[in-house]
Amino acid sequence: MSSSFSHLDDQGKAQMVDVTQKPMQQREASAKGFIFLKPETLDLIKQQLIKKGDVITVAEIAGIQAAKKTHELIPLCHPLSLTKIDVKASILENGIEVTSLVKCVGQTGVEMEALTAVSVALLTIYDMCKAVDDSMVISDISLIYKTKK
């Protein structure tokens, strides 16, 4: 049984893709996501009155840490030597938008790292604000782009 799926072996079992023969390339990916918050919650965040601390800074750091650990969270991801991770959380009118940029020089892409960074940053915001906002919704996590050179 020969599989045309890269993550399945000849018996149909999951496997990590062999990237040994792929060339080293500069790779970059960006992702974004959003969390809807009540106006009152946004005011508390702006004034740094959330009891768990500085929501924006903690979320951005959590996203950076998550990108580094993506291979530990997603079973078939390769561990990568990341050269750049940037996570930005921006307060908008009805919530917070999180964007990420991840770079490496390697044999496989960094889109999962970019998506993981955004996801964990948004979950961190949710965790830090759950005591004051029971209507939060995480939404629209998506890949903006990925490149290789």
C-alpha atoms as a PDB file:
ATOM      1  CA  MET A   1       0.000   0.000   0.000  1.00  0.00           C
ATOM      2  CA  SER A   2       1.809   3.110  -1.194  1.00  0.00           C
ATOM      3  CA  SER A   3       0.512   6.346   0.274  1.00  0.00           C
ATOM      4  CA  SER A   4       0.429   9.664  -1.568  1.00  0.00           C
ATOM      5  CA  PHE A   5       0.104  11.455   1.773  1.00  0.00           C
ATOM      6  CA  SER A   6       3.447  12.683   3.083  1.00  0.00           C
ATOM      7  CA  HIS A   7       2.561  12.032   6.729  1.00  0.00           C
ATOM      8  CA  LEU A   8       1.516   8.394   6.184  1.00  0.00           C
ATOM      9  CA  ASP A   9       3.808   5.407   5.757  1.00  0.00           C
ATOM     10  CA  ASP A  10       3.162   2.432   3.459  1.00  0.00           C
ATOM     11  CA  GLN A  11       0.873   0.879   6.083  1.00  0.00           C
ATOM     12  CA  GLY A  12      -1.168   4.064   6.518  1.00  0.00           C
ATOM     13  CA  LYS A  13       0.413   4.930   9.881  1.00  0.00           C
ATOM     14  CA  ALA A  14       1.294   8.502  10.810  1.00  0.00           C
ATOM     15  CA  GLN A  15       4.924   9.451  10.357  1.00  0.00           C
ATOM     16  CA  MET A  16       7.110  12.525  10.441  1.00  0.00           C
ATOM     17  CA  VAL A  17       8.082  13.601   6.928  1.00  0.00           C
ATOM     18  CA  ASP A  18      11.727  12.966   6.029  1.00  0.00           C
ATOM     19  CA  VAL A  19      13.185  16.341   5.022  1.00  0.00           C
ATOM     20  CA  THR A  20      16.791  15.116   4.834  1.00  0.00           C
ATOM     21  CA  GLN A  21      17.097  15.762   1.097  1.00  0.00           C
ATOM     22  CA  LYS A  22      15.355  19.154   1.135  1.00  0.00           C
ATOM     23  CA  PRO A  23      17.629  22.196   0.770  1.00  0.00           C
ATOM     24  CA  MET A  24      18.203  24.680   3.564  1.00  0.00           C
ATOM     25  CA  GLN A  25      16.211  27.805   2.747  1.00  0.00           C
ATOM     26  CA  GLN A  26      15.208  31.045   4.422  1.00  0.00           C
ATOM     27  CA  ARG A  27      11.633  30.523   5.535  1.00  0.00           C
ATOM     28  CA  GLU A  28       9.131  32.963   6.933  1.00  0.00           C
ATOM     29  CA  ALA A  29       5.482  32.816   7.969  1.00  0.00           C
ATOM     30  CA  SER A  30       2.990  35.216   9.457  1.00  0.00           C
ATOM     31  CA  ALA A  31      -0.334  34.530  11.145  1.00  0.00           C
ATOM     32  CA  LYS A  32      -3.079  36.488  12.865  1.00  0.00           C
ATOM     33  CA  GLY A  33      -6.079  36.003  15.121  1.00  0.00           C
ATOM     34  CA  PHE A  34      -8.570  37.970  17.157  1.00  0.00           C
ATOM     35  CA  ILE A  35     -10.297  37.865  20.530  1.00  0.00           C
ATOM     36  CA  PHE A  36     -13.537  39.757  21.026  1.00  0.00           C
ATOM     37  CA  LEU A  37     -13.753  41.471  24.417  1.00  0.00           C
ATOM     38  CA  LYS A  38     -16.272  43.666  26.207  1.00  0.00           C
ATOM     39  CA  PRO A  39     -15.484  47.407  26.139  1.00  0.00           C
ATOM     40  CA  GLU A  40     -15.125  47.327  29.924  1.00  0.00           C
ATOM     41  CA  THR A  41     -12.513  44.582  29.662  1.00  0.00           C
ATOM     42  CA  LEU A  42     -10.561  46.546  27.071  1.00  0.00           C
ATOM     43  CA  ASP A  43     -10.589  49.565  29.395  1.00  0.00           C
ATOM     44  CA  LEU A  44      -9.186  47.439  32.239  1.00  0.00           C
ATOM     45  CA  ILE A  45      -6.451  46.131  29.933  1.00  0.00           C
ATOM     46  CA  LYS A  46      -5.559  49.648  28.737  1.00  0.00           C
ATOM     47  CA  GLN A  47      -5.335  50.878  32.333  1.00  0.00           C
ATOM     48  CA  GLN A  48      -3.395  47.735  33.373  1.00  0.00           C
ATOM     49  CA  LEU A  49      -6.017  46.916  35.993  1.00  0.00           C
ATOM     50  CA  ILE A  50      -6.384  43.212  35.176  1.00  0.00           C
ATOM     51  CA  LYS A  51      -5.380  41.399  38.388  1.00  0.00           C
ATOM     52  CA  LYS A  52      -3.127  38.912  36.602  1.00  0.00           C
ATOM     53  CA  GLY A  53      -0.961  41.735  35.223  1.00  0.00           C
ATOM     54  CA  ASP A  54       0.007  43.350  31.923  1.00  0.00           C
ATOM     55  CA  VAL A  55      -2.164  41.405  29.482  1.00  0.00           C
ATOM     56  CA  ILE A  56      -0.521  42.639  26.280  1.00  0.00           C
ATOM     57  CA  THR A  57       3.078  41.982  27.336  1.00  0.00           C
ATOM     58  CA  VAL A  58       2.333  38.593  28.900  1.00  0.00           C
ATOM     59  CA  ALA A  59       0.380  37.482  25.803  1.00  0.00           C
ATOM     60  CA  GLU A  60       3.202  38.508  23.475  1.00  0.00           C
ATOM     61  CA  ILE A  61       5.796  36.639  25.546  1.00  0.00           C
ATOM     62  CA  ALA A  62       3.526  33.586  25.737  1.00  0.00           C
ATOM     63  CA  GLY A  63       3.260  33.604  21.940  1.00  0.00           C
ATOM     64  CA  ILE A  64       7.038  33.724  21.568  1.00  0.00           C
ATOM     65  CA  GLN A  65       7.459  30.821  23.998  1.00  0.00           C
ATOM     66  CA  ALA A  66       4.776  28.824  22.208  1.00  0.00           C
ATOM     67  CA  ALA A  67       6.425  29.212  18.801  1.00  0.00           C
ATOM     68  CA  LYS A  68       9.618  27.751  20.277  1.00  0.00           C
ATOM     69  CA  LYS A  69       7.723  24.721  21.590  1.00  0.00           C
ATOM     70  CA  THR A  70       5.512  23.992  18.576  1.00  0.00           C
ATOM     71  CA  HIS A  71       7.271  20.695  17.844  1.00  0.00           C
ATOM     72  CA  GLU A  72       6.421  19.574  21.395  1.00  0.00           C
ATOM     73  CA  LEU A  73       2.729  20.379  20.914  1.00  0.00           C
ATOM     74  CA  ILE A  74       2.033  19.251  17.329  1.00  0.00           C
ATOM     75  CA  PRO A  75       3.092  15.594  17.029  1.00  0.00           C
ATOM     76  CA  LEU A  76       4.490  15.533  13.478  1.00  0.00           C
ATOM     77  CA  CYS A  77       6.226  18.943  13.460  1.00  0.00           C
ATOM     78  CA  HIS A  78       9.991  19.101  13.187  1.00  0.00           C
ATOM     79  CA  PRO A  79      12.015  20.918  15.852  1.00  0.00           C
ATOM     80  CA  LEU A  80      13.359  24.049  14.173  1.00  0.00           C
ATOM     81  CA  SER A  81      16.100  26.509  14.955  1.00  0.00           C
ATOM     82  CA  LEU A  82      14.044  29.691  14.805  1.00  0.00           C
ATOM     83  CA  THR A  83      15.929  32.882  13.999  1.00  0.00           C
ATOM     84  CA  LYS A  84      13.139  35.424  14.583  1.00  0.00           C
ATOM     85  CA  ILE A  85       9.834  35.415  16.445  1.00  0.00           C
ATOM     86  CA  ASP A  86       7.759  38.566  16.692  1.00  0.00           C
ATOM     87  CA  VAL A  87       4.334  38.590  18.336  1.00  0.00           C
ATOM     88  CA  LYS A  88       2.267  41.769  18.543  1.00  0.00           C
ATOM     89  CA  ALA A  89      -1.034  42.235  20.347  1.00  0.00           C
ATOM     90  CA  SER A  90      -2.956  45.353  19.334  1.00  0.00           C
ATOM     91  CA  ILE A  91      -6.007  46.704  21.083  1.00  0.00           C
ATOM     92  CA  LEU A  92      -8.768  47.512  18.613  1.00  0.00           C
ATOM     93  CA  GLU A  93     -12.312  48.810  19.098  1.00  0.00           C
ATOM     94  CA  ASN A  94     -13.948  45.465  19.932  1.00  0.00           C
ATOM     95  CA  GLY A  95     -11.040  43.280  21.003  1.00  0.00           C
ATOM     96  CA  ILE A  96      -7.387  42.456  20.523  1.00  0.00           C
ATOM     97  CA  GLU A  97      -5.711  41.364  17.296  1.00  0.00           C
ATOM     98  CA  VAL A  98      -2.588  39.243  17.589  1.00  0.00           C
ATOM     99  CA  THR A  99      -0.118  38.876  14.737  1.00  0.00           C
ATOM    100  CA  SER A 100       3.047  36.811  14.521  1.00  0.00           C
ATOM    101  CA  LEU A 101       6.094  36.647  12.306  1.00  0.00           C
ATOM    102  CA  VAL A 102       8.410  33.641  12.486  1.00  0.00           C
ATOM    103  CA  LYS A 103      11.642  33.026  10.550  1.00  0.00           C
ATOM    104  CA  CYS A 104      14.215  30.274  10.238  1.00  0.00           C
ATOM    105  CA  VAL A 105      16.790  28.832   7.896  1.00  0.00           C
ATOM    106  CA  GLY A 106      15.808  25.225   7.468  1.00  0.00           C
ATOM    107  CA  GLN A 107      14.347  22.385   5.472  1.00  0.00           C
ATOM    108  CA  THR A 108      10.698  22.869   6.420  1.00  0.00           C
ATOM    109  CA  GLY A 109       8.359  25.802   6.893  1.00  0.00           C
ATOM    110  CA  VAL A 110       7.416  27.789   9.979  1.00  0.00           C
ATOM    111  CA  GLU A 111       3.690  28.250   9.442  1.00  0.00           C
ATOM    112  CA  MET A 112       2.758  25.992  12.372  1.00  0.00           C
ATOM    113  CA  GLU A 113       5.035  28.029  14.631  1.00  0.00           C
ATOM    114  CA  ALA A 114       3.379  31.269  13.486  1.00  0.00           C
ATOM    115  CA  LEU A 115      -0.118  29.832  14.040  1.00  0.00           C
ATOM    116  CA  THR A 116       0.836  28.380  17.430  1.00  0.00           C
ATOM    117  CA  ALA A 117       2.257  31.729  18.554  1.00  0.00           C
ATOM    118  CA  VAL A 118      -1.022  33.494  17.745  1.00  0.00           C
ATOM    119  CA  SER A 119      -3.164  30.752  19.286  1.00  0.00           C
ATOM    120  CA  VAL A 120      -1.321  30.688  22.602  1.00  0.00           C
ATOM    121  CA  ALA A 121      -1.149  34.493  22.811  1.00  0.00           C
ATOM    122  CA  LEU A 122      -4.938  34.617  22.380  1.00  0.00           C
ATOM    123  CA  LEU A 123      -5.447  31.842  24.945  1.00  0.00           C
ATOM    124  CA  THR A 124      -3.262  33.816  27.356  1.00  0.00           C
ATOM    125  CA  ILE A 125      -5.466  36.875  26.933  1.00  0.00           C
ATOM    126  CA  TYR A 126      -8.501  34.677  27.554  1.00  0.00           C
ATOM    127  CA  ASP A 127      -6.948  33.224  30.708  1.00  0.00           C
ATOM    128  CA  MET A 128      -5.932  36.593  32.076  1.00  0.00           C
ATOM    129  CA  CYS A 129      -9.368  38.155  31.464  1.00  0.00           C
ATOM    130  CA  LYS A 130     -11.733  35.270  32.239  1.00  0.00           C
ATOM    131  CA  ALA A 131     -12.518  36.609  35.735  1.00  0.00           C
ATOM    132  CA  VAL A 132     -13.963  39.839  34.292  1.00  0.00           C
ATOM    133  CA  ASP A 133     -15.352  38.811  30.883  1.00  0.00           C
ATOM    134  CA  ASP A 134     -17.488  35.717  30.318  1.00  0.00           C
ATOM    135  CA  SER A 135     -18.316  36.573  26.704  1.00  0.00           C
ATOM    136  CA  MET A 136     -14.864  36.421  25.092  1.00  0.00           C
ATOM    137  CA  VAL A 137     -14.605  34.728  21.708  1.00  0.00           C
ATOM    138  CA  ILE A 138     -11.360  33.737  19.986  1.00  0.00           C
ATOM    139  CA  SER A 139     -11.824  34.014  16.234  1.00  0.00           C
ATOM    140  CA  ASP A 140     -10.266  34.028  12.787  1.00  0.00           C
ATOM    141  CA  ILE A 141      -6.883  32.433  13.467  1.00  0.00           C
ATOM    142  CA  SER A 142      -5.304  32.181  10.035  1.00  0.00           C
ATOM    143  CA  LEU A 143      -2.066  32.101   8.105  1.00  0.00           C
ATOM    144  CA  ILE A 144      -1.346  35.423   6.418  1.00  0.00           C
ATOM    145  CA  TYR A 145       1.540  34.149   4.293  1.00  0.00           C
ATOM    146  CA  LYS A 146       4.493  31.792   4.109  1.00  0.00           C
ATOM    147  CA  THR A 147       7.606  32.139   1.986  1.00  0.00           C
ATOM    148  CA  LYS A 148      10.850  30.361   1.212  1.00  0.00           C
ATOM    149  CA  LYS A 149      13.929  31.647  -0.604  1.00  0.00           C
END
